[in-house]
């Protein structure tokens, strides 16, 4: 836990799956991504093992058991690296309460291009 926030820790090491996994968990994360609070930080861009890059922002999500911090790669990780996502992290996603949404191509493979969310704040 960091500053009262739990990290949603997904760190793929392998190439992406050929076909994305679009299921309840991916849909839940997509809805959360669209409604999250974005924190502009100078921590740099994260690049996935398959080459996809994030937006360089931290995302704060509200779950049943508290707040989570993740990156804009969260939907990509669940869809294309599902076989590498630890069960404890899948459980955190299952506790999100934002509803579900179908991911767009941008959310799946171009998260660095995702526009601003409704609530953007300066880095804490």
N, C-alpha and C. Protein backbone atom coordinates (compact mmCIF):
# COMPACT_ATOMS: atom_id res chain seq x y z
N UNK A 1 0.83 -1.18 0.00
CA UNK A 1 0.00 0.00 0.00
C UNK A 1 0.88 1.24 0.00
N UNK A 2 0.52 2.26 -0.79
CA UNK A 2 1.29 3.48 -0.92
C UNK A 2 0.40 4.68 -0.63
N UNK A 3 0.72 5.46 0.40
CA UNK A 3 -0.06 6.65 0.75
C UNK A 3 -1.56 6.38 0.82
N UNK A 4 -1.96 5.25 1.41
CA UNK A 4 -3.37 4.91 1.52
C UNK A 4 -3.95 4.28 0.27
N UNK A 5 -3.15 4.06 -0.74
CA UNK A 5 -3.60 3.46 -1.98
C UNK A 5 -2.91 2.12 -2.16
N UNK A 6 -3.64 1.17 -2.71
CA UNK A 6 -3.08 -0.12 -3.06
C UNK A 6 -2.69 -0.06 -4.53
N UNK A 7 -1.60 -0.69 -4.89
CA UNK A 7 -1.17 -0.70 -6.29
C UNK A 7 -1.83 -1.86 -7.02
N UNK A 8 -2.33 -1.59 -8.20
CA UNK A 8 -2.79 -2.66 -9.08
C UNK A 8 -1.56 -3.03 -9.89
N UNK A 9 -0.89 -4.11 -9.50
CA UNK A 9 0.41 -4.44 -10.02
C UNK A 9 0.31 -5.54 -11.08
N UNK A 10 0.47 -5.13 -12.33
CA UNK A 10 0.47 -6.06 -13.45
C UNK A 10 1.70 -5.72 -14.28
N UNK A 11 2.65 -6.65 -14.34
CA UNK A 11 3.91 -6.39 -15.05
C UNK A 11 4.18 -7.54 -16.01
N UNK A 12 3.62 -7.47 -17.23
CA UNK A 12 3.85 -8.54 -18.19
C UNK A 12 5.31 -8.61 -18.62
N UNK A 13 5.74 -9.82 -18.94
CA UNK A 13 7.10 -10.03 -19.41
C UNK A 13 7.13 -10.66 -20.80
N UNK A 14 5.98 -11.14 -21.28
CA UNK A 14 5.91 -11.85 -22.55
C UNK A 14 5.21 -11.03 -23.61
N UNK A 15 5.22 -11.56 -24.83
CA UNK A 15 4.50 -10.92 -25.93
C UNK A 15 3.00 -10.98 -25.68
N UNK A 16 2.27 -10.11 -26.33
CA UNK A 16 0.82 -10.06 -26.20
C UNK A 16 0.17 -11.29 -26.83
N UNK A 17 -0.99 -11.66 -26.31
CA UNK A 17 -1.78 -12.72 -26.92
C UNK A 17 -2.23 -12.28 -28.31
N UNK A 18 -2.45 -13.22 -29.20
CA UNK A 18 -2.92 -12.87 -30.55
C UNK A 18 -4.35 -12.31 -30.53
N UNK A 19 -5.16 -12.85 -29.65
CA UNK A 19 -6.56 -12.43 -29.55
C UNK A 19 -6.80 -11.90 -28.13
N UNK A 20 -7.31 -10.68 -28.01
CA UNK A 20 -7.54 -10.13 -26.66
C UNK A 20 -8.65 -10.86 -25.93
N UNK A 21 -8.54 -10.90 -24.61
CA UNK A 21 -9.58 -11.47 -23.76
C UNK A 21 -10.52 -10.32 -23.39
N UNK A 22 -11.70 -10.32 -23.98
CA UNK A 22 -12.70 -9.30 -23.68
C UNK A 22 -13.81 -10.01 -22.91
N UNK A 23 -13.74 -9.91 -21.60
CA UNK A 23 -14.71 -10.58 -20.73
C UNK A 23 -15.18 -9.60 -19.67
N UNK A 24 -15.82 -10.11 -18.63
CA UNK A 24 -16.36 -9.27 -17.56
C UNK A 24 -15.27 -8.41 -16.91
N UNK A 25 -14.11 -9.00 -16.61
CA UNK A 25 -13.04 -8.24 -15.95
C UNK A 25 -12.48 -7.14 -16.85
N UNK A 26 -12.26 -7.46 -18.12
CA UNK A 26 -11.77 -6.44 -19.05
C UNK A 26 -12.80 -5.31 -19.18
N UNK A 27 -14.08 -5.68 -19.24
CA UNK A 27 -15.15 -4.68 -19.35
C UNK A 27 -15.26 -3.83 -18.09
N UNK A 28 -15.05 -4.45 -16.93
CA UNK A 28 -15.07 -3.69 -15.67
C UNK A 28 -13.92 -2.70 -15.61
N UNK A 29 -12.75 -3.14 -16.05
CA UNK A 29 -11.59 -2.24 -16.04
C UNK A 29 -11.77 -1.11 -17.04
N UNK A 30 -12.39 -1.40 -18.18
CA UNK A 30 -12.64 -0.36 -19.17
C UNK A 30 -13.54 0.72 -18.60
N UNK A 31 -14.62 0.32 -17.94
CA UNK A 31 -15.52 1.30 -17.33
C UNK A 31 -14.79 2.11 -16.26
N UNK A 32 -13.96 1.45 -15.46
CA UNK A 32 -13.19 2.14 -14.43
C UNK A 32 -12.22 3.15 -15.04
N UNK A 33 -11.55 2.75 -16.11
CA UNK A 33 -10.61 3.64 -16.79
C UNK A 33 -11.31 4.92 -17.24
N UNK A 34 -12.52 4.79 -17.72
CA UNK A 34 -13.26 5.95 -18.23
C UNK A 34 -13.75 6.88 -17.13
N UNK A 35 -13.85 6.37 -15.91
CA UNK A 35 -14.41 7.17 -14.82
C UNK A 35 -13.38 7.47 -13.72
N UNK A 36 -12.15 7.09 -13.94
CA UNK A 36 -11.13 7.23 -12.91
C UNK A 36 -10.72 8.68 -12.71
N UNK A 37 -9.93 8.88 -11.69
CA UNK A 37 -9.29 10.16 -11.45
C UNK A 37 -7.86 10.02 -11.95
N UNK A 38 -7.42 10.90 -12.81
CA UNK A 38 -6.06 10.86 -13.35
C UNK A 38 -5.18 11.81 -12.58
N UNK A 39 -3.97 11.36 -12.28
CA UNK A 39 -3.01 12.18 -11.55
C UNK A 39 -1.83 12.43 -12.47
N UNK A 40 -1.63 13.68 -12.85
CA UNK A 40 -0.51 14.05 -13.72
C UNK A 40 0.78 14.00 -12.92
N UNK A 41 1.68 13.14 -13.29
CA UNK A 41 2.96 13.00 -12.59
C UNK A 41 4.10 13.00 -13.59
N UNK A 42 5.27 13.26 -13.10
CA UNK A 42 6.46 13.26 -13.94
C UNK A 42 7.21 11.94 -13.78
N UNK A 43 6.50 10.83 -13.76
CA UNK A 43 7.18 9.54 -13.59
C UNK A 43 7.56 8.90 -14.91
N UNK A 44 7.22 9.51 -16.00
CA UNK A 44 7.61 9.00 -17.29
C UNK A 44 6.61 8.02 -17.87
N UNK A 45 6.92 7.58 -19.06
CA UNK A 45 6.05 6.66 -19.80
C UNK A 45 6.45 5.23 -19.47
N UNK A 46 5.45 4.40 -19.23
CA UNK A 46 5.68 2.97 -19.02
C UNK A 46 5.46 2.26 -20.34
N UNK A 47 6.37 1.38 -20.71
CA UNK A 47 6.23 0.60 -21.93
C UNK A 47 6.04 -0.85 -21.57
N UNK A 48 5.00 -1.46 -22.12
CA UNK A 48 4.69 -2.87 -21.90
C UNK A 48 5.76 -3.73 -22.58
N UNK A 49 5.87 -4.97 -22.15
CA UNK A 49 6.83 -5.90 -22.75
C UNK A 49 6.60 -6.10 -24.24
N UNK A 50 5.38 -5.83 -24.72
CA UNK A 50 5.08 -5.99 -26.15
C UNK A 50 5.21 -4.69 -26.92
N UNK A 51 5.61 -3.59 -26.23
CA UNK A 51 5.87 -2.33 -26.91
C UNK A 51 4.80 -1.27 -26.77
N UNK A 52 3.63 -1.60 -26.26
CA UNK A 52 2.56 -0.62 -26.07
C UNK A 52 2.94 0.31 -24.92
N UNK A 53 2.68 1.61 -25.08
CA UNK A 53 3.07 2.60 -24.07
C UNK A 53 1.84 3.20 -23.40
N UNK A 54 2.02 3.64 -22.15
CA UNK A 54 0.92 4.27 -21.42
C UNK A 54 0.92 5.78 -21.61
N UNK A 55 -0.01 6.44 -20.94
CA UNK A 55 -0.17 7.89 -21.07
C UNK A 55 0.77 8.68 -20.15
N UNK A 56 1.48 8.00 -19.27
CA UNK A 56 2.38 8.69 -18.34
C UNK A 56 1.68 9.24 -17.11
N UNK A 57 0.44 8.85 -16.90
CA UNK A 57 -0.32 9.32 -15.75
C UNK A 57 -0.67 8.14 -14.84
N UNK A 58 -0.82 8.44 -13.56
CA UNK A 58 -1.35 7.44 -12.64
C UNK A 58 -2.87 7.58 -12.65
N UNK A 59 -3.55 6.45 -12.54
CA UNK A 59 -5.01 6.44 -12.47
C UNK A 59 -5.42 5.98 -11.08
N UNK A 60 -6.36 6.66 -10.48
CA UNK A 60 -6.86 6.27 -9.17
C UNK A 60 -8.27 5.73 -9.34
N UNK A 61 -8.44 4.48 -8.93
CA UNK A 61 -9.71 3.78 -9.05
C UNK A 61 -10.24 3.47 -7.66
N UNK A 62 -11.55 3.47 -7.51
CA UNK A 62 -12.17 3.12 -6.24
C UNK A 62 -12.69 1.69 -6.30
N UNK A 63 -12.25 0.86 -5.38
CA UNK A 63 -12.74 -0.51 -5.28
C UNK A 63 -13.51 -0.68 -3.99
N UNK A 64 -14.09 -1.85 -3.81
CA UNK A 64 -14.85 -2.13 -2.59
C UNK A 64 -13.98 -2.04 -1.35
N UNK A 65 -12.71 -2.38 -1.50
CA UNK A 65 -11.83 -2.42 -0.34
C UNK A 65 -10.86 -1.25 -0.27
N UNK A 66 -11.07 -0.22 -1.09
CA UNK A 66 -10.21 0.95 -1.04
C UNK A 66 -9.83 1.44 -2.42
N UNK A 67 -8.86 2.34 -2.47
CA UNK A 67 -8.42 2.94 -3.72
C UNK A 67 -7.24 2.18 -4.31
N UNK A 68 -7.21 2.13 -5.63
CA UNK A 68 -6.12 1.48 -6.36
C UNK A 68 -5.44 2.50 -7.25
N UNK A 69 -4.14 2.34 -7.44
CA UNK A 69 -3.39 3.15 -8.39
C UNK A 69 -2.93 2.22 -9.50
N UNK A 70 -3.10 2.65 -10.74
CA UNK A 70 -2.64 1.87 -11.89
C UNK A 70 -2.27 2.84 -13.01
N UNK A 71 -2.10 2.33 -14.23
CA UNK A 71 -1.77 3.16 -15.39
C UNK A 71 -2.79 2.92 -16.50
N UNK A 72 -2.68 3.70 -17.57
CA UNK A 72 -3.61 3.54 -18.69
C UNK A 72 -3.40 2.22 -19.43
N UNK A 73 -2.39 1.46 -19.06
CA UNK A 73 -2.17 0.14 -19.66
C UNK A 73 -3.07 -0.94 -19.04
N UNK A 74 -3.86 -0.59 -18.03
CA UNK A 74 -4.62 -1.59 -17.29
C UNK A 74 -5.56 -2.42 -18.17
N UNK A 75 -6.25 -1.80 -19.12
CA UNK A 75 -7.15 -2.56 -20.00
C UNK A 75 -6.33 -3.43 -20.94
N UNK A 76 -5.27 -2.87 -21.48
CA UNK A 76 -4.36 -3.63 -22.35
C UNK A 76 -3.84 -4.88 -21.64
N UNK A 77 -3.36 -4.72 -20.40
CA UNK A 77 -2.83 -5.85 -19.65
C UNK A 77 -3.87 -6.95 -19.50
N UNK A 78 -5.08 -6.59 -19.12
CA UNK A 78 -6.12 -7.60 -18.91
C UNK A 78 -6.51 -8.28 -20.21
N UNK A 79 -6.51 -7.54 -21.29
CA UNK A 79 -6.94 -8.11 -22.57
C UNK A 79 -5.84 -8.92 -23.26
N UNK A 80 -4.62 -8.42 -23.26
CA UNK A 80 -3.56 -9.06 -24.04
C UNK A 80 -2.52 -9.83 -23.22
N UNK A 81 -2.55 -9.69 -21.92
CA UNK A 81 -1.58 -10.39 -21.07
C UNK A 81 -2.28 -11.12 -19.92
N UNK A 82 -3.52 -11.53 -20.14
CA UNK A 82 -4.32 -12.14 -19.09
C UNK A 82 -3.62 -13.33 -18.44
N UNK A 83 -2.92 -14.11 -19.25
CA UNK A 83 -2.24 -15.30 -18.70
C UNK A 83 -1.12 -14.93 -17.72
N UNK A 84 -0.72 -13.66 -17.68
CA UNK A 84 0.34 -13.23 -16.77
C UNK A 84 -0.18 -12.42 -15.58
N UNK A 85 -1.48 -12.15 -15.54
CA UNK A 85 -2.03 -11.34 -14.46
C UNK A 85 -2.25 -12.23 -13.23
N UNK A 86 -1.60 -11.91 -12.12
CA UNK A 86 -1.76 -12.71 -10.91
C UNK A 86 -3.21 -12.71 -10.41
N UNK A 87 -3.63 -13.80 -9.82
CA UNK A 87 -5.01 -13.92 -9.33
C UNK A 87 -5.36 -12.84 -8.31
N UNK A 88 -4.40 -12.42 -7.50
CA UNK A 88 -4.67 -11.36 -6.52
C UNK A 88 -5.02 -10.05 -7.22
N UNK A 89 -4.41 -9.79 -8.37
CA UNK A 89 -4.72 -8.57 -9.13
C UNK A 89 -6.07 -8.70 -9.83
N UNK A 90 -6.40 -9.91 -10.30
CA UNK A 90 -7.72 -10.13 -10.90
C UNK A 90 -8.82 -9.90 -9.86
N UNK A 91 -8.55 -10.29 -8.62
CA UNK A 91 -9.52 -10.08 -7.54
C UNK A 91 -9.73 -8.59 -7.28
N UNK A 92 -8.68 -7.79 -7.38
CA UNK A 92 -8.82 -6.33 -7.21
C UNK A 92 -9.71 -5.75 -8.30
N UNK A 93 -9.52 -6.22 -9.53
CA UNK A 93 -10.36 -5.75 -10.64
C UNK A 93 -11.81 -6.15 -10.40
N UNK A 94 -12.03 -7.37 -9.93
CA UNK A 94 -13.39 -7.86 -9.68
C UNK A 94 -14.11 -7.04 -8.61
N UNK A 95 -13.36 -6.32 -7.76
CA UNK A 95 -13.96 -5.48 -6.72
C UNK A 95 -14.27 -4.06 -7.17
N UNK A 96 -13.92 -3.71 -8.40
CA UNK A 96 -14.24 -2.38 -8.91
C UNK A 96 -15.74 -2.25 -9.09
N UNK A 97 -16.27 -1.06 -8.88
CA UNK A 97 -17.71 -0.84 -8.98
C UNK A 97 -18.04 0.34 -9.91
N UNK A 98 -17.61 0.22 -11.15
CA UNK A 98 -17.89 1.26 -12.15
C UNK A 98 -18.83 0.76 -13.24
N UNK A 99 -19.28 -0.48 -13.14
CA UNK A 99 -20.08 -1.06 -14.21
C UNK A 99 -19.17 -1.71 -15.23
N UNK A 100 -19.67 -1.85 -16.45
CA UNK A 100 -18.89 -2.46 -17.53
C UNK A 100 -18.99 -1.60 -18.78
N UNK A 101 -18.03 -1.76 -19.67
CA UNK A 101 -18.02 -1.05 -20.95
C UNK A 101 -17.16 -1.84 -21.93
N UNK A 102 -17.50 -1.77 -23.19
CA UNK A 102 -16.73 -2.42 -24.25
C UNK A 102 -15.49 -1.57 -24.54
N UNK A 103 -14.29 -2.16 -24.49
CA UNK A 103 -13.08 -1.37 -24.75
C UNK A 103 -12.95 -0.95 -26.22
N UNK A 104 -12.42 0.23 -26.42
CA UNK A 104 -12.13 0.71 -27.78
C UNK A 104 -10.74 0.24 -28.19
N UNK A 105 -10.42 0.39 -29.44
CA UNK A 105 -9.08 0.06 -29.93
C UNK A 105 -8.04 0.89 -29.19
N UNK A 106 -8.34 2.17 -28.96
CA UNK A 106 -7.41 3.05 -28.25
C UNK A 106 -7.12 2.53 -26.84
N UNK A 107 -8.16 2.10 -26.14
CA UNK A 107 -7.98 1.60 -24.78
C UNK A 107 -7.20 0.29 -24.75
N UNK A 108 -7.32 -0.49 -25.80
CA UNK A 108 -6.64 -1.78 -25.87
C UNK A 108 -5.19 -1.67 -26.31
N UNK A 109 -4.93 -0.89 -27.36
CA UNK A 109 -3.57 -0.89 -27.92
C UNK A 109 -2.92 0.48 -28.08
N UNK A 110 -3.65 1.56 -27.79
CA UNK A 110 -3.07 2.90 -27.89
C UNK A 110 -3.37 3.72 -26.64
N UNK A 111 -3.10 3.18 -25.43
CA UNK A 111 -3.46 3.93 -24.22
C UNK A 111 -2.74 5.25 -24.07
N UNK A 112 -1.61 5.45 -24.76
CA UNK A 112 -0.91 6.73 -24.66
C UNK A 112 -1.70 7.85 -25.32
N UNK A 113 -2.69 7.49 -26.16
CA UNK A 113 -3.46 8.50 -26.87
C UNK A 113 -4.80 8.81 -26.20
N UNK A 114 -5.08 8.16 -25.09
CA UNK A 114 -6.36 8.37 -24.41
C UNK A 114 -6.42 9.79 -23.88
N UNK A 115 -7.53 10.48 -24.15
CA UNK A 115 -7.71 11.86 -23.71
C UNK A 115 -7.93 11.96 -22.22
N UNK A 116 -8.14 13.17 -21.74
CA UNK A 116 -8.29 13.36 -20.30
C UNK A 116 -9.61 12.82 -19.78
N UNK A 117 -9.51 12.30 -18.59
CA UNK A 117 -10.67 11.80 -17.88
C UNK A 117 -11.39 12.99 -17.24
N UNK A 118 -12.60 12.78 -16.75
CA UNK A 118 -13.34 13.88 -16.16
C UNK A 118 -12.64 14.57 -14.99
N UNK A 119 -11.83 13.86 -14.25
CA UNK A 119 -11.21 14.44 -13.05
C UNK A 119 -9.70 14.28 -13.12
N UNK A 120 -8.98 15.34 -13.42
CA UNK A 120 -7.52 15.30 -13.50
C UNK A 120 -6.96 16.22 -12.43
N UNK A 121 -6.03 15.71 -11.64
CA UNK A 121 -5.45 16.51 -10.56
C UNK A 121 -3.93 16.48 -10.66
N UNK A 122 -3.28 17.40 -9.97
CA UNK A 122 -1.82 17.43 -9.96
C UNK A 122 -1.29 16.29 -9.10
N UNK A 123 -0.07 15.91 -9.37
CA UNK A 123 0.55 14.83 -8.62
C UNK A 123 0.61 15.18 -7.14
N UNK A 124 0.29 14.22 -6.31
CA UNK A 124 0.28 14.46 -4.87
C UNK A 124 1.66 14.53 -4.30
